[in-house]
PDB file of N, CA and C in Angstrom:
ATOM      1  N   MET A   1      14.893  -4.291   4.823  1.00  0.00           N
ATOM      2  CA  MET A   1      15.903  -3.309   5.123  1.00  0.00           C
ATOM      3  C   MET A   1      15.231  -1.934   5.188  1.00  0.00           C
ATOM      4  N   ILE A   2      15.554  -1.181   6.220  1.00  0.00           N
ATOM      5  CA  ILE A   2      14.969   0.138   6.435  1.00  0.00           C
ATOM      6  C   ILE A   2      16.010   1.204   6.113  1.00  0.00           C
ATOM      7  N   LEU A   3      15.623   2.150   5.248  1.00  0.00           N
ATOM      8  CA  LEU A   3      16.502   3.255   4.851  1.00  0.00           C
ATOM      9  C   LEU A   3      15.815   4.576   5.176  1.00  0.00           C
ATOM     10  N   VAL A   4      16.599   5.591   5.482  1.00  0.00           N
ATOM     11  CA  VAL A   4      16.064   6.916   5.829  1.00  0.00           C
ATOM     12  C   VAL A   4      16.473   7.921   4.757  1.00  0.00           C
ATOM     13  N   PHE A   5      15.465   8.608   4.204  1.00  0.00           N
ATOM     14  CA  PHE A   5      15.679   9.679   3.222  1.00  0.00           C
ATOM     15  C   PHE A   5      14.780  10.849   3.604  1.00  0.00           C
ATOM     16  N   LYS A   6      15.360  11.895   4.128  1.00  0.00           N
ATOM     17  CA  LYS A   6      14.591  13.036   4.623  1.00  0.00           C
ATOM     18  C   LYS A   6      13.866  13.793   3.518  1.00  0.00           C
ATOM     19  N   HIS A   7      14.444  13.878   2.334  1.00  0.00           N
ATOM     20  CA  HIS A   7      13.894  14.723   1.277  1.00  0.00           C
ATOM     21  C   HIS A   7      13.123  13.937   0.223  1.00  0.00           C
ATOM     22  N   PHE A   8      12.782  12.719   0.527  1.00  0.00           N
ATOM     23  CA  PHE A   8      12.139  11.822  -0.429  1.00  0.00           C
ATOM     24  C   PHE A   8      10.620  11.911  -0.392  1.00  0.00           C
ATOM     25  N   PHE A   9      10.067  12.526   0.660  1.00  0.00           N
ATOM     26  CA  PHE A   9       8.634  12.434   0.922  1.00  0.00           C
ATOM     27  C   PHE A   9       7.873  13.716   0.650  1.00  0.00           C
ATOM     28  N   TYR A  10       6.640  13.521   0.224  1.00  0.00           N
ATOM     29  CA  TYR A  10       5.732  14.602  -0.117  1.00  0.00           C
ATOM     30  C   TYR A  10       4.796  14.855   1.062  1.00  0.00           C
ATOM     31  N   LYS A  11       4.667  16.101   1.455  1.00  0.00           N
ATOM     32  CA  LYS A  11       3.759  16.545   2.521  1.00  0.00           C
ATOM     33  C   LYS A  11       3.850  15.681   3.775  1.00  0.00           C
ATOM     34  N   ASN A  12       2.710  15.064   4.177  1.00  0.00           N
ATOM     35  CA  ASN A  12       2.635  14.335   5.440  1.00  0.00           C
ATOM     36  C   ASN A  12       3.044  12.866   5.348  1.00  0.00           C
ATOM     37  N   TYR A  13       3.479  12.419   4.201  1.00  0.00           N
ATOM     38  CA  TYR A  13       3.887  11.024   4.067  1.00  0.00           C
ATOM     39  C   TYR A  13       5.210  10.807   4.794  1.00  0.00           C
ATOM     40  N   VAL A  14       5.297   9.709   5.538  1.00  0.00           N
ATOM     41  CA  VAL A  14       6.504   9.459   6.327  1.00  0.00           C
ATOM     42  C   VAL A  14       7.138   8.098   6.042  1.00  0.00           C
ATOM     43  N   GLY A  15       6.443   7.222   5.336  1.00  0.00           N
ATOM     44  CA  GLY A  15       6.971   5.902   5.045  1.00  0.00           C
ATOM     45  C   GLY A  15       6.555   5.422   3.672  1.00  0.00           C
ATOM     46  N   LEU A  16       7.385   4.565   3.090  1.00  0.00           N
ATOM     47  CA  LEU A  16       7.120   4.035   1.760  1.00  0.00           C
ATOM     48  C   LEU A  16       7.815   2.692   1.625  1.00  0.00           C
ATOM     49  N   SER A  17       7.099   1.729   1.069  1.00  0.00           N
ATOM     50  CA  SER A  17       7.680   0.410   0.822  1.00  0.00           C
ATOM     51  C   SER A  17       7.871   0.212  -0.664  1.00  0.00           C
ATOM     52  N   LEU A  18       9.089  -0.050  -1.046  1.00  0.00           N
ATOM     53  CA  LEU A  18       9.436  -0.426  -2.419  1.00  0.00           C
ATOM     54  C   LEU A  18      10.288  -1.678  -2.304  1.00  0.00           C
ATOM     55  N   TRP A  19       9.709  -2.787  -2.690  1.00  0.00           N
ATOM     56  CA  TRP A  19      10.344  -4.091  -2.483  1.00  0.00           C
ATOM     57  C   TRP A  19      11.833  -4.045  -2.775  1.00  0.00           C
ATOM     58  N   PRO A  20      12.680  -4.478  -1.901  1.00  0.00           N
ATOM     59  CA  PRO A  20      12.473  -5.046  -0.562  1.00  0.00           C
ATOM     60  C   PRO A  20      12.777  -4.046   0.560  1.00  0.00           C
ATOM     61  N   PHE A  21      12.656  -2.765   0.261  1.00  0.00           N
ATOM     62  CA  PHE A  21      13.053  -1.727   1.209  1.00  0.00           C
ATOM     63  C   PHE A  21      11.857  -1.014   1.821  1.00  0.00           C
ATOM     64  N   ILE A  22      12.071  -0.513   3.030  1.00  0.00           N
ATOM     65  CA  ILE A  22      11.158   0.431   3.672  1.00  0.00           C
ATOM     66  C   ILE A  22      11.927   1.732   3.794  1.00  0.00           C
ATOM     67  N   PHE A  23      11.384   2.792   3.209  1.00  0.00           N
ATOM     68  CA  PHE A  23      11.988   4.120   3.288  1.00  0.00           C
ATOM     69  C   PHE A  23      11.218   4.940   4.316  1.00  0.00           C
ATOM     70  N   LEU A  24      11.934   5.633   5.180  1.00  0.00           N
ATOM     71  CA  LEU A  24      11.326   6.476   6.208  1.00  0.00           C
ATOM     72  C   LEU A  24      11.830   7.903   6.076  1.00  0.00           C
ATOM     73  N   LYS A  25      11.006   8.832   6.529  1.00  0.00           N
ATOM     74  CA  LYS A  25      11.341  10.253   6.434  1.00  0.00           C
ATOM     75  C   LYS A  25      12.444  10.659   7.403  1.00  0.00           C
ATOM     76  N   ASN A  26      12.458  10.039   8.593  1.00  0.00           N
ATOM     77  CA  ASN A  26      13.528  10.348   9.544  1.00  0.00           C
ATOM     78  C   ASN A  26      13.843   9.137  10.412  1.00  0.00           C
ATOM     79  N   ASP A  27      14.979   9.188  11.045  1.00  0.00           N
ATOM     80  CA  ASP A  27      15.515   8.068  11.803  1.00  0.00           C
ATOM     81  C   ASP A  27      14.645   7.662  12.987  1.00  0.00           C
ATOM     82  N   THR A  28      13.999   8.621  13.625  1.00  0.00           N
ATOM     83  CA  THR A  28      13.180   8.307  14.809  1.00  0.00           C
ATOM     84  C   THR A  28      11.978   7.420  14.455  1.00  0.00           C
ATOM     85  N   LEU A  29      11.560   7.428  13.211  1.00  0.00           N
ATOM     86  CA  LEU A  29      10.414   6.608  12.799  1.00  0.00           C
ATOM     87  C   LEU A  29      10.727   5.113  12.841  1.00  0.00           C
ATOM     88  N   LYS A  30      11.991   4.757  12.924  1.00  0.00           N
ATOM     89  CA  LYS A  30      12.358   3.335  13.052  1.00  0.00           C
ATOM     90  C   LYS A  30      11.775   2.723  14.319  1.00  0.00           C
ATOM     91  N   GLU A  31      11.477   3.575  15.300  1.00  0.00           N
ATOM     92  CA  GLU A  31      10.921   3.114  16.582  1.00  0.00           C
ATOM     93  C   GLU A  31       9.399   2.992  16.545  1.00  0.00           C
ATOM     94  N   ASP A  32       8.763   3.464  15.500  1.00  0.00           N
ATOM     95  CA  ASP A  32       7.295   3.417  15.396  1.00  0.00           C
ATOM     96  C   ASP A  32       6.875   2.039  14.886  1.00  0.00           C
ATOM     97  N   GLU A  33       6.547   1.154  15.811  1.00  0.00           N
ATOM     98  CA  GLU A  33       6.253  -0.235  15.436  1.00  0.00           C
ATOM     99  C   GLU A  33       5.003  -0.368  14.572  1.00  0.00           C
ATOM    100  N   TYR A  34       4.059   0.542  14.722  1.00  0.00           N
ATOM    101  CA  TYR A  34       2.853   0.473  13.896  1.00  0.00           C
ATOM    102  C   TYR A  34       3.144   0.904  12.455  1.00  0.00           C
ATOM    103  N   LEU A  35       3.945   1.936  12.305  1.00  0.00           N
ATOM    104  CA  LEU A  35       4.337   2.367  10.962  1.00  0.00           C
ATOM    105  C   LEU A  35       5.144   1.271  10.266  1.00  0.00           C
ATOM    106  N   ILE A  36       6.083   0.694  10.978  1.00  0.00           N
ATOM    107  CA  ILE A  36       6.898  -0.373  10.388  1.00  0.00           C
ATOM    108  C   ILE A  36       6.012  -1.564  10.019  1.00  0.00           C
ATOM    109  N   ASN A  37       5.070  -1.908  10.876  1.00  0.00           N
ATOM    110  CA  ASN A  37       4.142  -3.006  10.573  1.00  0.00           C
ATOM    111  C   ASN A  37       3.302  -2.679   9.337  1.00  0.00           C
ATOM    112  N   HIS A  38       2.831  -1.440   9.252  1.00  0.00           N
ATOM    113  CA  HIS A  38       2.056  -0.985   8.089  1.00  0.00           C
ATOM    114  C   HIS A  38       2.874  -1.196   6.811  1.00  0.00           C
ATOM    115  N   GLU A  39       4.114  -0.778   6.833  1.00  0.00           N
ATOM    116  CA  GLU A  39       4.966  -0.903   5.650  1.00  0.00           C
ATOM    117  C   GLU A  39       5.308  -2.370   5.360  1.00  0.00           C
ATOM    118  N   ARG A  40       5.435  -3.180   6.381  1.00  0.00           N
ATOM    119  CA  ARG A  40       5.680  -4.616   6.160  1.00  0.00           C
ATOM    120  C   ARG A  40       4.467  -5.303   5.534  1.00  0.00           C
ATOM    121  N   ILE A  41       3.287  -4.837   5.885  1.00  0.00           N
ATOM    122  CA  ILE A  41       2.077  -5.370   5.233  1.00  0.00           C
ATOM    123  C   ILE A  41       2.152  -5.078   3.738  1.00  0.00           C
ATOM    124  N   HIS A  42       2.588  -3.874   3.389  1.00  0.00           N
ATOM    125  CA  HIS A  42       2.748  -3.545   1.965  1.00  0.00           C
ATOM    126  C   HIS A  42       3.795  -4.439   1.301  1.00  0.00           C
ATOM    127  N   LEU A  43       4.869  -4.752   2.004  1.00  0.00           N
ATOM    128  CA  LEU A  43       5.877  -5.642   1.428  1.00  0.00           C
ATOM    129  C   LEU A  43       5.288  -7.027   1.157  1.00  0.00           C
ATOM    130  N   GLU A  44       4.419  -7.492   2.044  1.00  0.00           N
ATOM    131  CA  GLU A  44       3.751  -8.785   1.816  1.00  0.00           C
ATOM    132  C   GLU A  44       2.831  -8.705   0.602  1.00  0.00           C
ATOM    133  N   GLN A  45       2.108  -7.605   0.478  1.00  0.00           N
ATOM    134  CA  GLN A  45       1.237  -7.416  -0.688  1.00  0.00           C
ATOM    135  C   GLN A  45       2.064  -7.429  -1.974  1.00  0.00           C
ATOM    136  N   GLN A  46       3.177  -6.732  -1.950  1.00  0.00           N
ATOM    137  CA  GLN A  46       4.039  -6.660  -3.131  1.00  0.00           C
ATOM    138  C   GLN A  46       4.585  -8.036  -3.481  1.00  0.00           C
ATOM    139  N   LYS A  47       5.020  -8.769  -2.472  1.00  0.00           N
ATOM    140  CA  LYS A  47       5.600 -10.093  -2.699  1.00  0.00           C
ATOM    141  C   LYS A  47       4.570 -11.061  -3.291  1.00  0.00           C
ATOM    142  N   GLU A  48       3.367 -11.077  -2.746  1.00  0.00           N
ATOM    143  CA  GLU A  48       2.373 -12.036  -3.230  1.00  0.00           C
ATOM    144  C   GLU A  48       1.881 -11.704  -4.636  1.00  0.00           C
ATOM    145  N   LEU A  49       1.982 -10.447  -5.035  1.00  0.00           N
ATOM    146  CA  LEU A  49       1.578 -10.053  -6.387  1.00  0.00           C
ATOM    147  C   LEU A  49       2.782  -9.978  -7.337  1.00  0.00           C
ATOM    148  N   LEU A  50       3.896 -10.513  -6.894  1.00  0.00           N
ATOM    149  CA  LEU A  50       5.115 -10.575  -7.711  1.00  0.00           C
ATOM    150  C   LEU A  50       5.646  -9.194  -8.106  1.00  0.00           C
ATOM    151  N   ILE A  51       5.532  -8.268  -7.217  1.00  0.00           N
ATOM    152  CA  ILE A  51       6.096  -6.919  -7.207  1.00  0.00           C
ATOM    153  C   ILE A  51       5.565  -6.000  -8.309  1.00  0.00           C
ATOM    154  N   VAL A  52       5.926  -6.197  -9.542  1.00  0.00           N
ATOM    155  CA  VAL A  52       5.499  -5.268 -10.605  1.00  0.00           C
ATOM    156  C   VAL A  52       3.967  -5.210 -10.734  1.00  0.00           C
ATOM    157  N   PRO A  53       3.250  -6.338 -10.757  1.00  0.00           N
ATOM    158  CA  PRO A  53       1.781  -6.250 -10.824  1.00  0.00           C
ATOM    159  C   PRO A  53       1.179  -5.480  -9.639  1.00  0.00           C
ATOM    160  N   PHE A  54       1.831  -5.549  -8.476  1.00  0.00           N
ATOM    161  CA  PHE A  54       1.354  -4.764  -7.331  1.00  0.00           C
ATOM    162  C   PHE A  54       1.331  -3.280  -7.679  1.00  0.00           C
ATOM    163  N   TYR A  55       2.446  -2.785  -8.232  1.00  0.00           N
ATOM    164  CA  TYR A  55       2.533  -1.362  -8.547  1.00  0.00           C
ATOM    165  C   TYR A  55       1.538  -0.973  -9.640  1.00  0.00           C
ATOM    166  N   VAL A  56       1.317  -1.834 -10.600  1.00  0.00           N
ATOM    167  CA  VAL A  56       0.339  -1.569 -11.659  1.00  0.00           C
ATOM    168  C   VAL A  56      -1.062  -1.495 -11.059  1.00  0.00           C
ATOM    169  N   LEU A  57      -1.422  -2.466 -10.221  1.00  0.00           N
ATOM    170  CA  LEU A  57      -2.740  -2.456  -9.582  1.00  0.00           C
ATOM    171  C   LEU A  57      -2.904  -1.271  -8.640  1.00  0.00           C
ATOM    172  N   TYR A  58      -1.874  -0.976  -7.864  1.00  0.00           N
ATOM    173  CA  TYR A  58      -1.910   0.139  -6.921  1.00  0.00           C
ATOM    174  C   TYR A  58      -2.175   1.441  -7.671  1.00  0.00           C
ATOM    175  N   PHE A  59      -1.404   1.687  -8.712  1.00  0.00           N
ATOM    176  CA  PHE A  59      -1.543   2.921  -9.484  1.00  0.00           C
ATOM    177  C   PHE A  59      -2.901   2.988 -10.186  1.00  0.00           C
ATOM    178  N   THR A  60      -3.327   1.883 -10.761  1.00  0.00           N
ATOM    179  CA  THR A  60      -4.619   1.846 -11.457  1.00  0.00           C
ATOM    180  C   THR A  60      -5.762   2.121 -10.485  1.00  0.00           C
ATOM    181  N   GLU A  61      -5.729   1.458  -9.327  1.00  0.00           N
ATOM    182  CA  GLU A  61      -6.788   1.679  -8.337  1.00  0.00           C
ATOM    183  C   GLU A  61      -6.752   3.120  -7.826  1.00  0.00           C
ATOM    184  N   TRP A  62      -5.557   3.672  -7.650  1.00  0.00           N
ATOM    185  CA  TRP A  62      -5.451   5.055  -7.185  1.00  0.00           C
ATOM    186  C   TRP A  62      -6.062   6.028  -8.204  1.00  0.00           C
ATOM    187  N   ILE A  63      -5.798   5.815  -9.489  1.00  0.00           N
ATOM    188  CA  ILE A  63      -6.379   6.672 -10.532  1.00  0.00           C
ATOM    189  C   ILE A  63      -7.906   6.591 -10.488  1.00  0.00           C
ATOM    190  N   ILE A  64      -8.433   5.382 -10.443  1.00  0.00           N
ATOM    191  CA  ILE A  64      -9.886   5.184 -10.442  1.00  0.00           C
ATOM    192  C   ILE A  64     -10.521   5.819  -9.217  1.00  0.00           C
ATOM    193  N   ARG A  65      -9.947   5.573  -8.042  1.00  0.00           N
ATOM    194  CA  ARG A  65     -10.531   6.128  -6.809  1.00  0.00           C
ATOM    195  C   ARG A  65     -10.350   7.652  -6.733  1.00  0.00           C
ATOM    196  N   SER A  66      -9.260   8.168  -7.246  1.00  0.00           N
ATOM    197  CA  SER A  66      -9.063   9.624  -7.267  1.00  0.00           C
ATOM    198  C   SER A  66     -10.095  10.293  -8.156  1.00  0.00           C
ATOM    199  N   LEU A  67     -10.386   9.687  -9.289  1.00  0.00           N
ATOM    200  CA  LEU A  67     -11.432  10.218 -10.172  1.00  0.00           C
ATOM    201  C   LEU A  67     -12.810  10.106  -9.520  1.00  0.00           C
ATOM    202  N   TYR A  68     -13.038   8.989  -8.851  1.00  0.00           N
ATOM    203  CA  TYR A  68     -14.324   8.768  -8.184  1.00  0.00           C
ATOM    204  C   TYR A  68     -14.581   9.811  -7.101  1.00  0.00           C
ATOM    205  N   TYR A  69     -13.571  10.098  -6.286  1.00  0.00           N
ATOM    206  CA  TYR A  69     -13.704  11.047  -5.180  1.00  0.00           C
ATOM    207  C   TYR A  69     -13.352  12.477  -5.570  1.00  0.00           C
ATOM    208  N   PHE A  70     -12.829  12.681  -6.787  1.00  0.00           N
ATOM    209  CA  PHE A  70     -12.342  13.995  -7.211  1.00  0.00           C
ATOM    210  C   PHE A  70     -11.301  14.535  -6.234  1.00  0.00           C
ATOM    211  N   ASP A  71     -10.504  13.631  -5.671  1.00  0.00           N
ATOM    212  CA  ASP A  71      -9.528  14.003  -4.651  1.00  0.00           C
ATOM    213  C   ASP A  71      -8.471  12.901  -4.602  1.00  0.00           C
ATOM    214  N   SER A  72      -7.232  13.242  -4.928  1.00  0.00           N
ATOM    215  CA  SER A  72      -6.182  12.219  -4.979  1.00  0.00           C
ATOM    216  C   SER A  72      -5.850  11.651  -3.597  1.00  0.00           C
ATOM    217  N   TYR A  73      -5.911  12.488  -2.549  1.00  0.00           N
ATOM    218  CA  TYR A  73      -5.606  11.980  -1.218  1.00  0.00           C
ATOM    219  C   TYR A  73      -6.710  11.059  -0.723  1.00  0.00           C
ATOM    220  N   LYS A  74      -7.941  11.426  -0.964  1.00  0.00           N
ATOM    221  CA  LYS A  74      -9.057  10.560  -0.568  1.00  0.00           C
ATOM    222  C   LYS A  74      -9.013   9.257  -1.373  1.00  0.00           C
ATOM    223  N   GLY A  75      -8.598   9.346  -2.627  1.00  0.00           N
ATOM    224  CA  GLY A  75      -8.405   8.152  -3.442  1.00  0.00           C
ATOM    225  C   GLY A  75      -7.362   7.242  -2.824  1.00  0.00           C
ATOM    226  N   TYR A  76      -6.248   7.829  -2.390  1.00  0.00           N
ATOM    227  CA  TYR A  76      -5.184   7.078  -1.723  1.00  0.00           C
ATOM    228  C   TYR A  76      -5.707   6.396  -0.456  1.00  0.00           C
ATOM    229  N   GLN A  77      -6.442   7.145   0.363  1.00  0.00           N
ATOM    230  CA  GLN A  77      -6.953   6.598   1.624  1.00  0.00           C
ATOM    231  C   GLN A  77      -7.895   5.420   1.415  1.00  0.00           C
ATOM    232  N   ASN A  78      -8.530   5.353   0.263  1.00  0.00           N
ATOM    233  CA  ASN A  78      -9.513   4.303  -0.001  1.00  0.00           C
ATOM    234  C   ASN A  78      -8.990   3.164  -0.867  1.00  0.00           C
ATOM    235  N   LEU A  79      -7.699   3.146  -1.130  1.00  0.00           N
ATOM    236  CA  LEU A  79      -7.120   2.019  -1.851  1.00  0.00           C
ATOM    237  C   LEU A  79      -7.240   0.754  -1.010  1.00  0.00           C
ATOM    238  N   SER A  80      -7.555  -0.353  -1.640  1.00  0.00           N
ATOM    239  CA  SER A  80      -7.682  -1.614  -0.900  1.00  0.00           C
ATOM    240  C   SER A  80      -6.383  -1.956  -0.172  1.00  0.00           C
ATOM    241  N   PHE A  81      -5.250  -1.696  -0.794  1.00  0.00           N
ATOM    242  CA  PHE A  81      -3.957  -1.994  -0.176  1.00  0.00           C
ATOM    243  C   PHE A  81      -3.736  -1.151   1.079  1.00  0.00           C
ATOM    244  N   GLU A  82      -4.099   0.122   1.011  1.00  0.00           N
ATOM    245  CA  GLU A  82      -3.947   1.014   2.163  1.00  0.00           C
ATOM    246  C   GLU A  82      -4.963   0.693   3.248  1.00  0.00           C
ATOM    247  N   ARG A  83      -6.185   0.396   2.852  1.00  0.00           N
ATOM    248  CA  ARG A  83      -7.211   0.060   3.842  1.00  0.00           C
ATOM    249  C   ARG A  83      -6.811  -1.179   4.632  1.00  0.00           C
ATOM    250  N   GLU A  84      -6.263  -2.184   3.942  1.00  0.00           N
ATOM    251  CA  GLU A  84      -5.801  -3.380   4.663  1.00  0.00           C
ATOM    252  C   GLU A  84      -4.675  -3.015   5.621  1.00  0.00           C
ATOM    253  N   ALA A  85      -3.706  -2.244   5.158  1.00  0.00           N
ATOM    254  CA  ALA A  85      -2.558  -1.891   5.998  1.00  0.00           C
ATOM    255  C   ALA A  85      -2.974  -1.023   7.185  1.00  0.00           C
ATOM    256  N   TYR A  86      -3.795  -0.007   6.952  1.00  0.00           N
ATOM    257  CA  TYR A  86      -4.233   0.855   8.056  1.00  0.00           C
ATOM    258  C   TYR A  86      -5.111   0.100   9.048  1.00  0.00           C
ATOM    259  N   SER A  87      -5.963  -0.778   8.558  1.00  0.00           N
ATOM    260  CA  SER A  87      -6.857  -1.530   9.440  1.00  0.00           C
ATOM    261  C   SER A  87      -6.116  -2.496  10.344  1.00  0.00           C
ATOM    262  N   ASN A  88      -4.950  -2.926   9.920  1.00  0.00           N
ATOM    263  CA  ASN A  88      -4.250  -3.980  10.647  1.00  0.00           C
ATOM    264  C   ASN A  88      -2.868  -3.592  11.167  1.00  0.00           C
ATOM    265  N   GLU A  89      -2.482  -2.337  11.030  1.00  0.00           N
ATOM    266  CA  GLU A  89      -1.135  -1.942  11.424  1.00  0.00           C
ATOM    267  C   GLU A  89      -0.878  -2.098  12.922  1.00  0.00           C
ATOM    268  N   LYS A  90      -1.912  -2.036  13.738  1.00  0.00           N
ATOM    269  CA  LYS A  90      -1.728  -2.167  15.189  1.00  0.00           C
ATOM    270  C   LYS A  90      -1.722  -3.617  15.658  1.00  0.00           C
ATOM    271  N   ASN A  91      -2.045  -4.537  14.767  1.00  0.00           N
ATOM    272  CA  ASN A  91      -1.976  -5.962  15.066  1.00  0.00           C
ATOM    273  C   ASN A  91      -0.604  -6.455  14.605  1.00  0.00           C
ATOM    274  N   LEU A  92       0.326  -6.529  15.532  1.00  0.00           N
ATOM    275  CA  LEU A  92       1.704  -6.868  15.183  1.00  0.00           C
ATOM    276  C   LEU A  92       1.857  -8.329  14.754  1.00  0.00           C
ATOM    277  N   ASP A  93       0.821  -9.125  14.915  1.00  0.00           N
ATOM    278  CA  ASP A  93       0.829 -10.521  14.456  1.00  0.00           C
ATOM    279  C   ASP A  93       0.104 -10.680  13.123  1.00  0.00           C
ATOM    280  N   TYR A  94      -0.371  -9.586  12.564  1.00  0.00           N
ATOM    281  CA  TYR A  94      -1.216  -9.678  11.375  1.00  0.00           C
ATOM    282  C   TYR A  94      -0.536 -10.386  10.204  1.00  0.00           C
ATOM    283  N   ILE A  95       0.714 -10.112   9.955  1.00  0.00           N
ATOM    284  CA  ILE A  95       1.387 -10.706   8.797  1.00  0.00           C
ATOM    285  C   ILE A  95       1.390 -12.230   8.899  1.00  0.00           C
ATOM    286  N   SER A  96       1.598 -12.764  10.091  1.00  0.00           N
ATOM    287  CA  SER A  96       1.597 -14.220  10.239  1.00  0.00           C
ATOM    288  C   SER A  96       0.188 -14.800  10.168  1.00  0.00           C
ATOM    289  N   GLU A  97      -0.826 -13.986  10.469  1.00  0.00           N
ATOM    290  CA  GLU A  97      -2.223 -14.437  10.442  1.00  0.00           C
ATOM    291  C   GLU A  97      -2.900 -14.155   9.103  1.00  0.00           C
ATOM    292  N   ARG A  98      -2.317 -13.296   8.323  1.00  0.00           N
ATOM    293  CA  ARG A  98      -2.922 -12.784   7.095  1.00  0.00           C
ATOM    294  C   ARG A  98      -3.119 -13.874   6.049  1.00  0.00           C
ATOM    295  N   SER A  99      -4.297 -13.844   5.418  1.00  0.00           N
ATOM    296  CA  SER A  99      -4.539 -14.783   4.324  1.00  0.00           C
ATOM    297  C   SER A  99      -3.969 -14.202   3.032  1.00  0.00           C
ATOM    298  N   THR A 100      -3.626 -15.071   2.103  1.00  0.00           N
ATOM    299  CA  THR A 100      -3.102 -14.646   0.815  1.00  0.00           C
ATOM    300  C   THR A 100      -4.132 -13.757   0.124  1.00  0.00           C
ATOM    301  N   PHE A 101      -3.665 -12.699  -0.494  1.00  0.00           N
ATOM    302  CA  PHE A 101      -4.513 -11.716  -1.165  1.00  0.00           C
ATOM    303  C   PHE A 101      -5.541 -11.110  -0.199  1.00  0.00           C
ATOM    304  N   GLY A 102      -5.114 -10.866   1.024  1.00  0.00           N
ATOM    305  CA  GLY A 102      -5.986 -10.304   2.056  1.00  0.00           C
ATOM    306  C   GLY A 102      -6.551  -8.943   1.710  1.00  0.00           C
ATOM    307  N   PHE A 103      -5.908  -8.232   0.808  1.00  0.00           N
ATOM    308  CA  PHE A 103      -6.376  -6.908   0.423  1.00  0.00           C
ATOM    309  C   PHE A 103      -7.709  -6.962  -0.337  1.00  0.00           C
ATOM    310  N   ILE A 104      -8.036  -8.117  -0.921  1.00  0.00           N
ATOM    311  CA  ILE A 104      -9.242  -8.223  -1.756  1.00  0.00           C
ATOM    312  C   ILE A 104     -10.507  -7.897  -0.966  1.00  0.00           C
ATOM    313  N   LYS A 105     -10.558  -8.277   0.299  1.00  0.00           N
ATOM    314  CA  LYS A 105     -11.776  -7.990   1.075  1.00  0.00           C
ATOM    315  C   LYS A 105     -11.924  -6.495   1.390  1.00  0.00           C
ATOM    316  N   TYR A 106     -10.938  -5.686   1.030  1.00  0.00           N
ATOM    317  CA  TYR A 106     -11.009  -4.235   1.231  1.00  0.00           C
ATOM    318  C   TYR A 106     -11.335  -3.469  -0.036  1.00  0.00           C
ATOM    319  N   LEU A 107     -11.605  -4.203  -1.121  1.00  0.00           N
ATOM    320  CA  LEU A 107     -11.908  -3.536  -2.407  1.00  0.00           C
ATOM    321  C   LEU A 107     -13.178  -2.714  -2.329  1.00  0.00           C
TER     322      LEU A 107
END
């Protein structure tokens, strides 16, 4: 289910997946098939890790990478979950082709 919340996002962020929802910054983003695919990849990651462990791992990896790079945004960009989603967002068949725990090869 896709929901739109204009005031929910920080800076340049436009989409967010929180099982089982995709939140978007504005209504026109519903037409961005790559963004929607990116967020659906995150939903698959969340589902396979049974949701709560996904958020724990995501946050833990973000803290570690932010400290490593001394930059929270660069830490975010280098998260295994984000790297998998960004690398495959233009492949609209990726979710059906994706192997379980596909994010691991992006660690």
